[in-house]
PDB file of N, CA and C in Angstrom:
ATOM      1  N   MET A   1       0.839  -1.184   0.000  1.00  0.00           N
ATOM      2  CA  MET A   1       0.000   0.000   0.000  1.00  0.00           C
ATOM      3  C   MET A   1       0.886   1.251   0.000  1.00  0.00           C
ATOM      4  N   ALA A   2       0.578   2.157  -0.878  1.00  0.00           N
ATOM      5  CA  ALA A   2       1.371   3.379  -1.002  1.00  0.00           C
ATOM      6  C   ALA A   2       1.087   4.319   0.163  1.00  0.00           C
ATOM      7  N   THR A   3       2.106   5.056   0.557  1.00  0.00           N
ATOM      8  CA  THR A   3       1.933   6.062   1.606  1.00  0.00           C
ATOM      9  C   THR A   3       1.282   7.311   0.999  1.00  0.00           C
ATOM     10  N   SER A   4       0.787   8.175   1.863  1.00  0.00           N
ATOM     11  CA  SER A   4       0.203   9.432   1.385  1.00  0.00           C
ATOM     12  C   SER A   4       1.222  10.233   0.586  1.00  0.00           C
ATOM     13  N   GLN A   5       2.471  10.256   1.046  1.00  0.00           N
ATOM     14  CA  GLN A   5       3.493  11.018   0.327  1.00  0.00           C
ATOM     15  C   GLN A   5       3.763  10.422  -1.051  1.00  0.00           C
ATOM     16  N   GLN A   6       3.773   9.096  -1.166  1.00  0.00           N
ATOM     17  CA  GLN A   6       3.961   8.466  -2.475  1.00  0.00           C
ATOM     18  C   GLN A   6       2.800   8.811  -3.412  1.00  0.00           C
ATOM     19  N   ILE A   7       1.597   8.797  -2.873  1.00  0.00           N
ATOM     20  CA  ILE A   7       0.416   9.145  -3.672  1.00  0.00           C
ATOM     21  C   ILE A   7       0.503  10.600  -4.127  1.00  0.00           C
ATOM     22  N   ILE A   8       0.908  11.479  -3.236  1.00  0.00           N
ATOM     23  CA  ILE A   8       1.066  12.894  -3.590  1.00  0.00           C
ATOM     24  C   ILE A   8       2.148  13.062  -4.653  1.00  0.00           C
ATOM     25  N   ASP A   9       3.272  12.381  -4.495  1.00  0.00           N
ATOM     26  CA  ASP A   9       4.358  12.480  -5.479  1.00  0.00           C
ATOM     27  C   ASP A   9       3.904  12.000  -6.855  1.00  0.00           C
ATOM     28  N   GLU A  10       3.164  10.891  -6.895  1.00  0.00           N
ATOM     29  CA  GLU A  10       2.644  10.381  -8.171  1.00  0.00           C
ATOM     30  C   GLU A  10       1.658  11.375  -8.780  1.00  0.00           C
ATOM     31  N   THR A  11       0.838  11.967  -7.939  1.00  0.00           N
ATOM     32  CA  THR A  11      -0.138  12.951  -8.411  1.00  0.00           C
ATOM     33  C   THR A  11       0.561  14.193  -8.960  1.00  0.00           C
ATOM     34  N   LYS A  12       1.578  14.666  -8.266  1.00  0.00           N
ATOM     35  CA  LYS A  12       2.337  15.828  -8.743  1.00  0.00           C
ATOM     36  C   LYS A  12       2.938  15.556 -10.118  1.00  0.00           C
ATOM     37  N   LYS A  13       3.498  14.368 -10.295  1.00  0.00           N
ATOM     38  CA  LYS A  13       4.089  14.005 -11.586  1.00  0.00           C
ATOM     39  C   LYS A  13       3.016  13.980 -12.670  1.00  0.00           C
ATOM     40  N   TRP A  14       1.873  13.380 -12.347  1.00  0.00           N
ATOM     41  CA  TRP A  14       0.783  13.303 -13.317  1.00  0.00           C
ATOM     42  C   TRP A  14       0.287  14.704 -13.680  1.00  0.00           C
ATOM     43  N   ILE A  15       0.139  15.566 -12.696  1.00  0.00           N
ATOM     44  CA  ILE A  15      -0.313  16.932 -12.968  1.00  0.00           C
ATOM     45  C   ILE A  15       0.682  17.641 -13.881  1.00  0.00           C
ATOM     46  N   SER A  16       1.958  17.504 -13.574  1.00  0.00           N
ATOM     47  CA  SER A  16       2.990  18.140 -14.389  1.00  0.00           C
ATOM     48  C   SER A  16       3.004  17.577 -15.810  1.00  0.00           C
ATOM     49  N   ASP A  17       2.996  16.251 -15.914  1.00  0.00           N
ATOM     50  CA  ASP A  17       3.100  15.602 -17.225  1.00  0.00           C
ATOM     51  C   ASP A  17       1.829  15.738 -18.061  1.00  0.00           C
ATOM     52  N   VAL A  18       0.678  15.577 -17.421  1.00  0.00           N
ATOM     53  CA  VAL A  18      -0.578  15.505 -18.172  1.00  0.00           C
ATOM     54  C   VAL A  18      -1.357  16.823 -18.133  1.00  0.00           C
ATOM     55  N   VAL A  19      -1.705  17.280 -16.952  1.00  0.00           N
ATOM     56  CA  VAL A  19      -2.549  18.475 -16.852  1.00  0.00           C
ATOM     57  C   VAL A  19      -1.830  19.700 -17.411  1.00  0.00           C
ATOM     58  N   VAL A  20      -0.570  19.891 -17.004  1.00  0.00           N
ATOM     59  CA  VAL A  20       0.205  21.023 -17.519  1.00  0.00           C
ATOM     60  C   VAL A  20       0.758  20.689 -18.901  1.00  0.00           C
ATOM     61  N   GLY A  21       1.327  19.494 -19.037  1.00  0.00           N
ATOM     62  CA  GLY A  21       1.946  19.099 -20.304  1.00  0.00           C
ATOM     63  C   GLY A  21       0.991  19.117 -21.482  1.00  0.00           C
ATOM     64  N   CYS A  22      -0.256  18.730 -21.254  1.00  0.00           N
ATOM     65  CA  CYS A  22      -1.274  18.721 -22.317  1.00  0.00           C
ATOM     66  C   CYS A  22      -2.129  19.985 -22.302  1.00  0.00           C
ATOM     67  N   ASN A  23      -1.803  20.911 -21.409  1.00  0.00           N
ATOM     68  CA  ASN A  23      -2.514  22.185 -21.276  1.00  0.00           C
ATOM     69  C   ASN A  23      -4.014  21.999 -21.037  1.00  0.00           C
ATOM     70  N   PHE A  24      -4.362  21.001 -20.205  1.00  0.00           N
ATOM     71  CA  PHE A  24      -5.768  20.789 -19.847  1.00  0.00           C
ATOM     72  C   PHE A  24      -6.307  21.943 -19.012  1.00  0.00           C
ATOM     73  N   CYS A  25      -5.461  22.536 -18.206  1.00  0.00           N
ATOM     74  CA  CYS A  25      -5.875  23.641 -17.341  1.00  0.00           C
ATOM     75  C   CYS A  25      -4.868  24.774 -17.503  1.00  0.00           C
ATOM     76  N   PRO A  26      -5.299  25.899 -18.055  1.00  0.00           N
ATOM     77  CA  PRO A  26      -4.358  26.992 -18.309  1.00  0.00           C
ATOM     78  C   PRO A  26      -3.802  27.639 -17.037  1.00  0.00           C
ATOM     79  N   PHE A  27      -4.433  27.391 -15.893  1.00  0.00           N
ATOM     80  CA  PHE A  27      -3.988  28.003 -14.641  1.00  0.00           C
ATOM     81  C   PHE A  27      -3.010  27.128 -13.867  1.00  0.00           C
ATOM     82  N   ALA A  28      -2.927  25.858 -14.210  1.00  0.00           N
ATOM     83  CA  ALA A  28      -2.155  24.903 -13.409  1.00  0.00           C
ATOM     84  C   ALA A  28      -0.662  25.231 -13.370  1.00  0.00           C
ATOM     85  N   ALA A  29      -0.085  25.561 -14.491  1.00  0.00           N
ATOM     86  CA  ALA A  29       1.363  25.799 -14.530  1.00  0.00           C
ATOM     87  C   ALA A  29       1.771  26.922 -13.584  1.00  0.00           C
ATOM     88  N   ASN A  30       0.990  27.980 -13.535  1.00  0.00           N
ATOM     89  CA  ASN A  30       1.335  29.127 -12.701  1.00  0.00           C
ATOM     90  C   ASN A  30       1.283  28.790 -11.210  1.00  0.00           C
ATOM     91  N   VAL A  31       0.229  28.104 -10.756  1.00  0.00           N
ATOM     92  CA  VAL A  31       0.150  27.786  -9.323  1.00  0.00           C
ATOM     93  C   VAL A  31       1.203  26.762  -8.924  1.00  0.00           C
ATOM     94  N   LEU A  32       1.572  25.876  -9.845  1.00  0.00           N
ATOM     95  CA  LEU A  32       2.654  24.932  -9.542  1.00  0.00           C
ATOM     96  C   LEU A  32       3.976  25.676  -9.408  1.00  0.00           C
ATOM     97  N   LYS A  33       4.217  26.602 -10.326  1.00  0.00           N
ATOM     98  CA  LYS A  33       5.459  27.383 -10.292  1.00  0.00           C
ATOM     99  C   LYS A  33       5.540  28.221  -9.016  1.00  0.00           C
ATOM    100  N   GLN A  34       4.421  28.801  -8.608  1.00  0.00           N
ATOM    101  CA  GLN A  34       4.391  29.638  -7.406  1.00  0.00           C
ATOM    102  C   GLN A  34       4.325  28.814  -6.118  1.00  0.00           C
ATOM    103  N   GLN A  35       4.143  27.514  -6.254  1.00  0.00           N
ATOM    104  CA  GLN A  35       4.047  26.594  -5.107  1.00  0.00           C
ATOM    105  C   GLN A  35       2.939  27.013  -4.144  1.00  0.00           C
ATOM    106  N   THR A  36       1.769  27.297  -4.712  1.00  0.00           N
ATOM    107  CA  THR A  36       0.605  27.678  -3.912  1.00  0.00           C
ATOM    108  C   THR A  36      -0.467  26.591  -3.963  1.00  0.00           C
ATOM    109  N   VAL A  37      -0.007  25.342  -4.021  1.00  0.00           N
ATOM    110  CA  VAL A  37      -0.894  24.186  -4.126  1.00  0.00           C
ATOM    111  C   VAL A  37      -0.798  23.358  -2.851  1.00  0.00           C
ATOM    112  N   HIS A  38      -1.948  22.908  -2.386  1.00  0.00           N
ATOM    113  CA  HIS A  38      -1.992  21.970  -1.260  1.00  0.00           C
ATOM    114  C   HIS A  38      -2.488  20.630  -1.791  1.00  0.00           C
ATOM    115  N   TYR A  39      -1.859  19.556  -1.346  1.00  0.00           N
ATOM    116  CA  TYR A  39      -2.262  18.200  -1.727  1.00  0.00           C
ATOM    117  C   TYR A  39      -2.746  17.487  -0.478  1.00  0.00           C
ATOM    118  N   GLN A  40      -3.927  16.893  -0.557  1.00  0.00           N
ATOM    119  CA  GLN A  40      -4.491  16.170   0.576  1.00  0.00           C
ATOM    120  C   GLN A  40      -4.973  14.809   0.096  1.00  0.00           C
ATOM    121  N   VAL A  41      -4.570  13.762   0.804  1.00  0.00           N
ATOM    122  CA  VAL A  41      -5.006  12.404   0.482  1.00  0.00           C
ATOM    123  C   VAL A  41      -6.102  12.012   1.463  1.00  0.00           C
ATOM    124  N   GLU A  42      -7.233  11.581   0.929  1.00  0.00           N
ATOM    125  CA  GLU A  42      -8.315  11.027   1.749  1.00  0.00           C
ATOM    126  C   GLU A  42      -8.398   9.540   1.429  1.00  0.00           C
ATOM    127  N   THR A  43      -8.078   8.706   2.411  1.00  0.00           N
ATOM    128  CA  THR A  43      -8.007   7.261   2.173  1.00  0.00           C
ATOM    129  C   THR A  43      -9.345   6.552   2.324  1.00  0.00           C
ATOM    130  N   SER A  44     -10.346   7.227   2.829  1.00  0.00           N
ATOM    131  CA  SER A  44     -11.651   6.596   3.002  1.00  0.00           C
ATOM    132  C   SER A  44     -12.297   6.333   1.644  1.00  0.00           C
ATOM    133  N   ASP A  45     -13.143   5.310   1.611  1.00  0.00           N
ATOM    134  CA  ASP A  45     -13.946   5.065   0.416  1.00  0.00           C
ATOM    135  C   ASP A  45     -15.430   5.329   0.688  1.00  0.00           C
ATOM    136  N   VAL A  46     -15.716   5.963   1.819  1.00  0.00           N
ATOM    137  CA  VAL A  46     -17.093   6.281   2.206  1.00  0.00           C
ATOM    138  C   VAL A  46     -17.451   7.653   1.624  1.00  0.00           C
ATOM    139  N   PRO A  47     -18.465   7.716   0.752  1.00  0.00           N
ATOM    140  CA  PRO A  47     -18.788   8.987   0.092  1.00  0.00           C
ATOM    141  C   PRO A  47     -19.001  10.160   1.048  1.00  0.00           C
ATOM    142  N   GLY A  48     -19.683   9.952   2.155  1.00  0.00           N
ATOM    143  CA  GLY A  48     -19.921  11.041   3.102  1.00  0.00           C
ATOM    144  C   GLY A  48     -18.640  11.585   3.701  1.00  0.00           C
ATOM    145  N   ILE A  49     -17.708  10.698   4.011  1.00  0.00           N
ATOM    146  CA  ILE A  49     -16.412  11.132   4.554  1.00  0.00           C
ATOM    147  C   ILE A  49     -15.627  11.888   3.482  1.00  0.00           C
ATOM    148  N   CYS A  50     -15.690  11.402   2.255  1.00  0.00           N
ATOM    149  CA  CYS A  50     -14.997  12.083   1.156  1.00  0.00           C
ATOM    150  C   CYS A  50     -15.565  13.483   0.942  1.00  0.00           C
ATOM    151  N   LEU A  51     -16.883  13.619   1.019  1.00  0.00           N
ATOM    152  CA  LEU A  51     -17.495  14.938   0.867  1.00  0.00           C
ATOM    153  C   LEU A  51     -17.104  15.854   2.026  1.00  0.00           C
ATOM    154  N   ASP A  52     -17.042  15.305   3.240  1.00  0.00           N
ATOM    155  CA  ASP A  52     -16.580  16.097   4.387  1.00  0.00           C
ATOM    156  C   ASP A  52     -15.155  16.603   4.155  1.00  0.00           C
ATOM    157  N   SER A  53     -14.307  15.754   3.596  1.00  0.00           N
ATOM    158  CA  SER A  53     -12.924  16.160   3.294  1.00  0.00           C
ATOM    159  C   SER A  53     -12.897  17.288   2.270  1.00  0.00           C
ATOM    160  N   PHE A  54     -13.802  17.229   1.330  1.00  0.00           N
ATOM    161  CA  PHE A  54     -13.927  18.295   0.335  1.00  0.00           C
ATOM    162  C   PHE A  54     -14.256  19.624   1.020  1.00  0.00           C
ATOM    163  N   LEU A  55     -15.185  19.585   1.958  1.00  0.00           N
ATOM    164  CA  LEU A  55     -15.559  20.810   2.676  1.00  0.00           C
ATOM    165  C   LEU A  55     -14.411  21.332   3.535  1.00  0.00           C
ATOM    166  N   VAL A  56     -13.618  20.425   4.094  1.00  0.00           N
ATOM    167  CA  VAL A  56     -12.428  20.837   4.850  1.00  0.00           C
ATOM    168  C   VAL A  56     -11.480  21.608   3.935  1.00  0.00           C
ATOM    169  N   GLU A  57     -11.345  21.163   2.693  1.00  0.00           N
ATOM    170  CA  GLU A  57     -10.457  21.855   1.753  1.00  0.00           C
ATOM    171  C   GLU A  57     -10.977  23.249   1.411  1.00  0.00           C
ATOM    172  N   THR A  58     -12.294  23.422   1.315  1.00  0.00           N
ATOM    173  CA  THR A  58     -12.809  24.772   1.055  1.00  0.00           C
ATOM    174  C   THR A  58     -12.480  25.695   2.230  1.00  0.00           C
ATOM    175  N   THR A  59     -12.572  25.165   3.436  1.00  0.00           N
ATOM    176  CA  THR A  59     -12.206  25.952   4.621  1.00  0.00           C
ATOM    177  C   THR A  59     -10.720  26.278   4.608  1.00  0.00           C
ATOM    178  N   ARG A  60      -9.903  25.300   4.210  1.00  0.00           N
ATOM    179  CA  ARG A  60      -8.454  25.538   4.117  1.00  0.00           C
ATOM    180  C   ARG A  60      -8.169  26.662   3.117  1.00  0.00           C
ATOM    181  N   LEU A  61      -8.847  26.627   1.976  1.00  0.00           N
ATOM    182  CA  LEU A  61      -8.655  27.675   0.973  1.00  0.00           C
ATOM    183  C   LEU A  61      -9.096  29.040   1.500  1.00  0.00           C
ATOM    184  N   ASP A  62     -10.137  29.051   2.320  1.00  0.00           N
ATOM    185  CA  ASP A  62     -10.589  30.305   2.937  1.00  0.00           C
ATOM    186  C   ASP A  62      -9.551  30.877   3.894  1.00  0.00           C
ATOM    187  N   ASN A  63      -8.918  29.998   4.651  1.00  0.00           N
ATOM    188  CA  ASN A  63      -8.108  30.430   5.790  1.00  0.00           C
ATOM    189  C   ASN A  63      -6.612  30.538   5.535  1.00  0.00           C
ATOM    190  N   GLU A  64      -6.102  29.859   4.546  1.00  0.00           N
ATOM    191  CA  GLU A  64      -4.654  29.851   4.310  1.00  0.00           C
ATOM    192  C   GLU A  64      -4.341  30.654   3.049  1.00  0.00           C
ATOM    193  N   ILE A  65      -3.853  31.864   3.256  1.00  0.00           N
ATOM    194  CA  ILE A  65      -3.664  32.791   2.134  1.00  0.00           C
ATOM    195  C   ILE A  65      -2.580  32.351   1.153  1.00  0.00           C
ATOM    196  N   ASN A  66      -1.711  31.449   1.556  1.00  0.00           N
ATOM    197  CA  ASN A  66      -0.642  30.978   0.667  1.00  0.00           C
ATOM    198  C   ASN A  66      -1.070  29.801  -0.194  1.00  0.00           C
ATOM    199  N   ILE A  67      -2.319  29.395  -0.091  1.00  0.00           N
ATOM    200  CA  ILE A  67      -2.828  28.287  -0.898  1.00  0.00           C
ATOM    201  C   ILE A  67      -3.881  28.826  -1.861  1.00  0.00           C
ATOM    202  N   GLU A  68      -3.622  28.629  -3.160  1.00  0.00           N
ATOM    203  CA  GLU A  68      -4.576  29.046  -4.190  1.00  0.00           C
ATOM    204  C   GLU A  68      -5.379  27.874  -4.731  1.00  0.00           C
ATOM    205  N   THR A  69      -4.795  26.692  -4.665  1.00  0.00           N
ATOM    206  CA  THR A  69      -5.401  25.503  -5.250  1.00  0.00           C
ATOM    207  C   THR A  69      -5.178  24.324  -4.327  1.00  0.00           C
ATOM    208  N   SER A  70      -6.179  23.467  -4.258  1.00  0.00           N
ATOM    209  CA  SER A  70      -6.054  22.260  -3.449  1.00  0.00           C
ATOM    210  C   SER A  70      -6.420  21.051  -4.297  1.00  0.00           C
ATOM    211  N   PHE A  71      -5.574  20.039  -4.243  1.00  0.00           N
ATOM    212  CA  PHE A  71      -5.872  18.766  -4.889  1.00  0.00           C
ATOM    213  C   PHE A  71      -6.240  17.771  -3.806  1.00  0.00           C
ATOM    214  N   LEU A  72      -7.467  17.303  -3.846  1.00  0.00           N
ATOM    215  CA  LEU A  72      -7.946  16.301  -2.912  1.00  0.00           C
ATOM    216  C   LEU A  72      -7.931  14.971  -3.653  1.00  0.00           C
ATOM    217  N   ILE A  73      -7.144  14.038  -3.147  1.00  0.00           N
ATOM    218  CA  ILE A  73      -6.863  12.779  -3.843  1.00  0.00           C
ATOM    219  C   ILE A  73      -7.547  11.638  -3.105  1.00  0.00           C
ATOM    220  N   PHE A  74      -8.316  10.847  -3.836  1.00  0.00           N
ATOM    221  CA  PHE A  74      -9.058   9.714  -3.278  1.00  0.00           C
ATOM    222  C   PHE A  74      -8.531   8.408  -3.875  1.00  0.00           C
ATOM    223  N   PRO A  75      -7.469   7.833  -3.336  1.00  0.00           N
ATOM    224  CA  PRO A  75      -6.901   6.627  -3.943  1.00  0.00           C
ATOM    225  C   PRO A  75      -7.751   5.368  -3.763  1.00  0.00           C
ATOM    226  N   ASN A  76      -8.677   5.366  -2.813  1.00  0.00           N
ATOM    227  CA  ASN A  76      -9.454   4.160  -2.520  1.00  0.00           C
ATOM    228  C   ASN A  76     -10.930   4.292  -2.847  1.00  0.00           C
ATOM    229  N   ALA A  77     -11.348   5.418  -3.343  1.00  0.00           N
ATOM    230  CA  ALA A  77     -12.773   5.658  -3.575  1.00  0.00           C
ATOM    231  C   ALA A  77     -13.055   5.872  -5.058  1.00  0.00           C
ATOM    232  N   PHE A  78     -14.296   5.676  -5.399  1.00  0.00           N
ATOM    233  CA  PHE A  78     -14.822   6.017  -6.712  1.00  0.00           C
ATOM    234  C   PHE A  78     -14.160   5.267  -7.863  1.00  0.00           C
ATOM    235  N   ALA A  79     -13.927   3.971  -7.661  1.00  0.00           N
ATOM    236  CA  ALA A  79     -13.396   3.146  -8.753  1.00  0.00           C
ATOM    237  C   ALA A  79     -14.393   3.113  -9.906  1.00  0.00           C
ATOM    238  N   SER A  80     -15.672   3.118  -9.571  1.00  0.00           N
ATOM    239  CA  SER A  80     -16.719   3.176 -10.583  1.00  0.00           C
ATOM    240  C   SER A  80     -16.834   4.612 -11.089  1.00  0.00           C
ATOM    241  N   PHE A  81     -16.841   4.766 -12.397  1.00  0.00           N
ATOM    242  CA  PHE A  81     -16.945   6.102 -12.970  1.00  0.00           C
ATOM    243  C   PHE A  81     -18.271   6.755 -12.600  1.00  0.00           C
ATOM    244  N   ASP A  82     -19.345   5.966 -12.532  1.00  0.00           N
ATOM    245  CA  ASP A  82     -20.646   6.514 -12.142  1.00  0.00           C
ATOM    246  C   ASP A  82     -20.627   7.022 -10.703  1.00  0.00           C
ATOM    247  N   ASP A  83     -19.965   6.289  -9.802  1.00  0.00           N
ATOM    248  CA  ASP A  83     -19.839   6.754  -8.414  1.00  0.00           C
ATOM    249  C   ASP A  83     -19.055   8.065  -8.361  1.00  0.00           C
ATOM    250  N   TYR A  84     -18.025   8.145  -9.165  1.00  0.00           N
ATOM    251  CA  TYR A  84     -17.223   9.370  -9.257  1.00  0.00           C
ATOM    252  C   TYR A  84     -18.089  10.548  -9.715  1.00  0.00           C
ATOM    253  N   LEU A  85     -18.882  10.327 -10.763  1.00  0.00           N
ATOM    254  CA  LEU A  85     -19.743  11.402 -11.262  1.00  0.00           C
ATOM    255  C   LEU A  85     -20.762  11.829 -10.210  1.00  0.00           C
ATOM    256  N   ASP A  86     -21.303  10.858  -9.458  1.00  0.00           N
ATOM    257  CA  ASP A  86     -22.225  11.188  -8.362  1.00  0.00           C
ATOM    258  C   ASP A  86     -21.536  12.071  -7.330  1.00  0.00           C
ATOM    259  N   CYS A  87     -20.298  11.740  -6.994  1.00  0.00           N
ATOM    260  CA  CYS A  87     -19.544  12.527  -6.016  1.00  0.00           C
ATOM    261  C   CYS A  87     -19.294  13.941  -6.530  1.00  0.00           C
ATOM    262  N   VAL A  88     -18.949  14.068  -7.788  1.00  0.00           N
ATOM    263  CA  VAL A  88     -18.714  15.392  -8.373  1.00  0.00           C
ATOM    264  C   VAL A  88     -19.988  16.227  -8.288  1.00  0.00           C
ATOM    265  N   ARG A  89     -21.130  15.619  -8.605  1.00  0.00           N
ATOM    266  CA  ARG A  89     -22.401  16.347  -8.514  1.00  0.00           C
ATOM    267  C   ARG A  89     -22.679  16.801  -7.081  1.00  0.00           C
ATOM    268  N   LEU A  90     -22.426  15.909  -6.113  1.00  0.00           N
ATOM    269  CA  LEU A  90     -22.629  16.274  -4.707  1.00  0.00           C
ATOM    270  C   LEU A  90     -21.688  17.399  -4.285  1.00  0.00           C
ATOM    271  N   ALA A  91     -20.453  17.342  -4.735  1.00  0.00           N
ATOM    272  CA  ALA A  91     -19.486  18.387  -4.396  1.00  0.00           C
ATOM    273  C   ALA A  91     -19.900  19.726  -5.008  1.00  0.00           C
ATOM    274  N   GLU A  92     -20.356  19.705  -6.249  1.00  0.00           N
ATOM    275  CA  GLU A  92     -20.830  20.937  -6.896  1.00  0.00           C
ATOM    276  C   GLU A  92     -22.026  21.510  -6.137  1.00  0.00           C
ATOM    277  N   ARG A  93     -22.953  20.644  -5.748  1.00  0.00           N
ATOM    278  CA  ARG A  93     -24.117  21.084  -4.979  1.00  0.00           C
ATOM    279  C   ARG A  93     -23.677  21.664  -3.635  1.00  0.00           C
ATOM    280  N   SER A  94     -22.692  21.029  -3.026  1.00  0.00           N
ATOM    281  CA  SER A  94     -22.171  21.488  -1.742  1.00  0.00           C
ATOM    282  C   SER A  94     -21.548  22.878  -1.866  1.00  0.00           C
ATOM    283  N   LEU A  95     -20.833  23.126  -2.958  1.00  0.00           N
ATOM    284  CA  LEU A  95     -20.275  24.464  -3.184  1.00  0.00           C
ATOM    285  C   LEU A  95     -21.390  25.509  -3.182  1.00  0.00           C
ATOM    286  N   LYS A  96     -22.455  25.197  -3.891  1.00  0.00           N
ATOM    287  CA  LYS A  96     -23.577  26.133  -3.987  1.00  0.00           C
ATOM    288  C   LYS A  96     -24.248  26.320  -2.626  1.00  0.00           C
ATOM    289  N   GLN A  97     -24.521  25.216  -1.929  1.00  0.00           N
ATOM    290  CA  GLN A  97     -25.217  25.279  -0.639  1.00  0.00           C
ATOM    291  C   GLN A  97     -24.406  25.999   0.432  1.00  0.00           C
ATOM    292  N   ASN A  98     -23.097  25.977   0.311  1.00  0.00           N
ATOM    293  CA  ASN A  98     -22.231  26.594   1.314  1.00  0.00           C
ATOM    294  C   ASN A  98     -21.731  27.981   0.908  1.00  0.00           C
ATOM    295  N   GLY A  99     -22.335  28.540  -0.141  1.00  0.00           N
ATOM    296  CA  GLY A  99     -22.008  29.904  -0.535  1.00  0.00           C
ATOM    297  C   GLY A  99     -20.709  30.063  -1.301  1.00  0.00           C
ATOM    298  N   TYR A 100     -20.213  28.972  -1.886  1.00  0.00           N
ATOM    299  CA  TYR A 100     -18.942  29.035  -2.608  1.00  0.00           C
ATOM    300  C   TYR A 100     -19.106  29.098  -4.126  1.00  0.00           C
ATOM    301  N   GLU A 101     -20.335  29.120  -4.604  1.00  0.00           N
ATOM    302  CA  GLU A 101     -20.551  29.191  -6.042  1.00  0.00           C
ATOM    303  C   GLU A 101     -19.963  30.505  -6.559  1.00  0.00           C
ATOM    304  N   GLY A 102     -19.119  30.423  -7.567  1.00  0.00           N
ATOM    305  CA  GLY A 102     -18.462  31.600  -8.107  1.00  0.00           C
ATOM    306  C   GLY A 102     -17.186  31.982  -7.371  1.00  0.00           C
ATOM    307  N   ILE A 103     -16.945  31.356  -6.233  1.00  0.00           N
ATOM    308  CA  ILE A 103     -15.719  31.608  -5.471  1.00  0.00           C
ATOM    309  C   ILE A 103     -14.699  30.524  -5.770  1.00  0.00           C
ATOM    310  N   TYR A 104     -15.140  29.274  -5.671  1.00  0.00           N
ATOM    311  CA  TYR A 104     -14.278  28.131  -5.974  1.00  0.00           C
ATOM    312  C   TYR A 104     -14.853  27.364  -7.144  1.00  0.00           C
ATOM    313  N   GLN A 105     -13.968  26.826  -7.942  1.00  0.00           N
ATOM    314  CA  GLN A 105     -14.364  26.022  -9.090  1.00  0.00           C
ATOM    315  C   GLN A 105     -13.815  24.623  -8.901  1.00  0.00           C
ATOM    316  N   LEU A 106     -14.654  23.646  -9.123  1.00  0.00           N
ATOM    317  CA  LEU A 106     -14.254  22.254  -8.987  1.00  0.00           C
ATOM    318  C   LEU A 106     -13.776  21.734 -10.340  1.00  0.00           C
ATOM    319  N   ALA A 107     -12.543  21.279 -10.369  1.00  0.00           N
ATOM    320  CA  ALA A 107     -12.005  20.593 -11.546  1.00  0.00           C
ATOM    321  C   ALA A 107     -11.721  19.171 -11.090  1.00  0.00           C
ATOM    322  N   SER A 108     -12.269  18.206 -11.787  1.00  0.00           N
ATOM    323  CA  SER A 108     -12.125  16.825 -11.324  1.00  0.00           C
ATOM    324  C   SER A 108     -11.488  15.963 -12.402  1.00  0.00           C
ATOM    325  N   PHE A 109     -10.790  14.945 -11.934  1.00  0.00           N
ATOM    326  CA  PHE A 109     -10.102  14.016 -12.831  1.00  0.00           C
ATOM    327  C   PHE A 109     -10.334  12.603 -12.324  1.00  0.00           C
ATOM    328  N   HIS A 110     -10.473  11.670 -13.238  1.00  0.00           N
ATOM    329  CA  HIS A 110     -10.654  10.255 -12.901  1.00  0.00           C
ATOM    330  C   HIS A 110      -9.868   9.439 -13.926  1.00  0.00           C
ATOM    331  N   PRO A 111      -9.221   8.360 -13.485  1.00  0.00           N
ATOM    332  CA  PRO A 111      -8.419   7.556 -14.428  1.00  0.00           C
ATOM    333  C   PRO A 111      -9.224   6.991 -15.599  1.00  0.00           C
ATOM    334  N   LEU A 112     -10.533   6.826 -15.437  1.00  0.00           N
ATOM    335  CA  LEU A 112     -11.359   6.272 -16.508  1.00  0.00           C
ATOM    336  C   LEU A 112     -12.066   7.348 -17.328  1.00  0.00           C
ATOM    337  N   TYR A 113     -11.722   8.607 -17.086  1.00  0.00           N
ATOM    338  CA  TYR A 113     -12.368   9.701 -17.799  1.00  0.00           C
ATOM    339  C   TYR A 113     -12.012   9.643 -19.278  1.00  0.00           C
ATOM    340  N   LEU A 114     -13.020   9.829 -20.106  1.00  0.00           N
ATOM    341  CA  LEU A 114     -12.814   9.911 -21.551  1.00  0.00           C
ATOM    342  C   LEU A 114     -13.470  11.185 -22.062  1.00  0.00           C
ATOM    343  N   PHE A 115     -12.802  11.882 -22.943  1.00  0.00           N
ATOM    344  CA  PHE A 115     -13.422  13.024 -23.584  1.00  0.00           C
ATOM    345  C   PHE A 115     -14.527  12.526 -24.505  1.00  0.00           C
ATOM    346  N   ALA A 116     -15.475  13.376 -24.808  1.00  0.00           N
ATOM    347  CA  ALA A 116     -16.668  12.984 -25.555  1.00  0.00           C
ATOM    348  C   ALA A 116     -16.339  12.286 -26.871  1.00  0.00           C
ATOM    349  N   ASP A 117     -15.312  12.721 -27.573  1.00  0.00           N
ATOM    350  CA  ASP A 117     -14.989  12.155 -28.883  1.00  0.00           C
ATOM    351  C   ASP A 117     -14.024  10.975 -28.820  1.00  0.00           C
ATOM    352  N   ALA A 118     -13.532  10.646 -27.635  1.00  0.00           N
ATOM    353  CA  ALA A 118     -12.503   9.609 -27.510  1.00  0.00           C
ATOM    354  C   ALA A 118     -13.117   8.214 -27.524  1.00  0.00           C
ATOM    355  N   ALA A 119     -12.386   7.293 -28.118  1.00  0.00           N
ATOM    356  CA  ALA A 119     -12.782   5.888 -28.061  1.00  0.00           C
ATOM    357  C   ALA A 119     -12.305   5.313 -26.738  1.00  0.00           C
ATOM    358  N   GLU A 120     -12.976   4.252 -26.266  1.00  0.00           N
ATOM    359  CA  GLU A 120     -12.613   3.680 -24.967  1.00  0.00           C
ATOM    360  C   GLU A 120     -11.164   3.231 -24.921  1.00  0.00           C
ATOM    361  N   LYS A 121     -10.617   2.752 -26.030  1.00  0.00           N
ATOM    362  CA  LYS A 121      -9.223   2.288 -26.053  1.00  0.00           C
ATOM    363  C   LYS A 121      -8.235   3.431 -25.863  1.00  0.00           C
ATOM    364  N   ASP A 122      -8.685   4.696 -26.045  1.00  0.00           N
ATOM    365  CA  ASP A 122      -7.817   5.857 -25.853  1.00  0.00           C
ATOM    366  C   ASP A 122      -7.546   6.134 -24.387  1.00  0.00           C
ATOM    367  N   GLY A 123      -8.406   5.656 -23.486  1.00  0.00           N
ATOM    368  CA  GLY A 123      -8.317   5.968 -22.059  1.00  0.00           C
ATOM    369  C   GLY A 123      -7.278   5.294 -21.358  1.00  0.00           C
TER     370      GLY A 123
END
């Protein structure tokens, strides 16, 4: 079983190689360069606990002025793409219910994610 630090290191590499390298997010390179990113690993696979961790990150973003972006990593949850999509919907709803709509934007990634035009073998 990988440690939280190993998971964070793998995630950092993936963000650098894929998210920045493929220019999926035009803002990612700048926050990485400025080192204003927080990485948090949530090992639970319980959706309610994962959503609670998401809310903790919004509070962290509110309170820690040196953090512009937070990556919340779920190595044990949401293996099913449908479960992942359900979680994203709940997180988006939570942003709205907690007054964060327009303040924070949720960008989500899943290993099984496919762009609309991609064939399954591309994933």
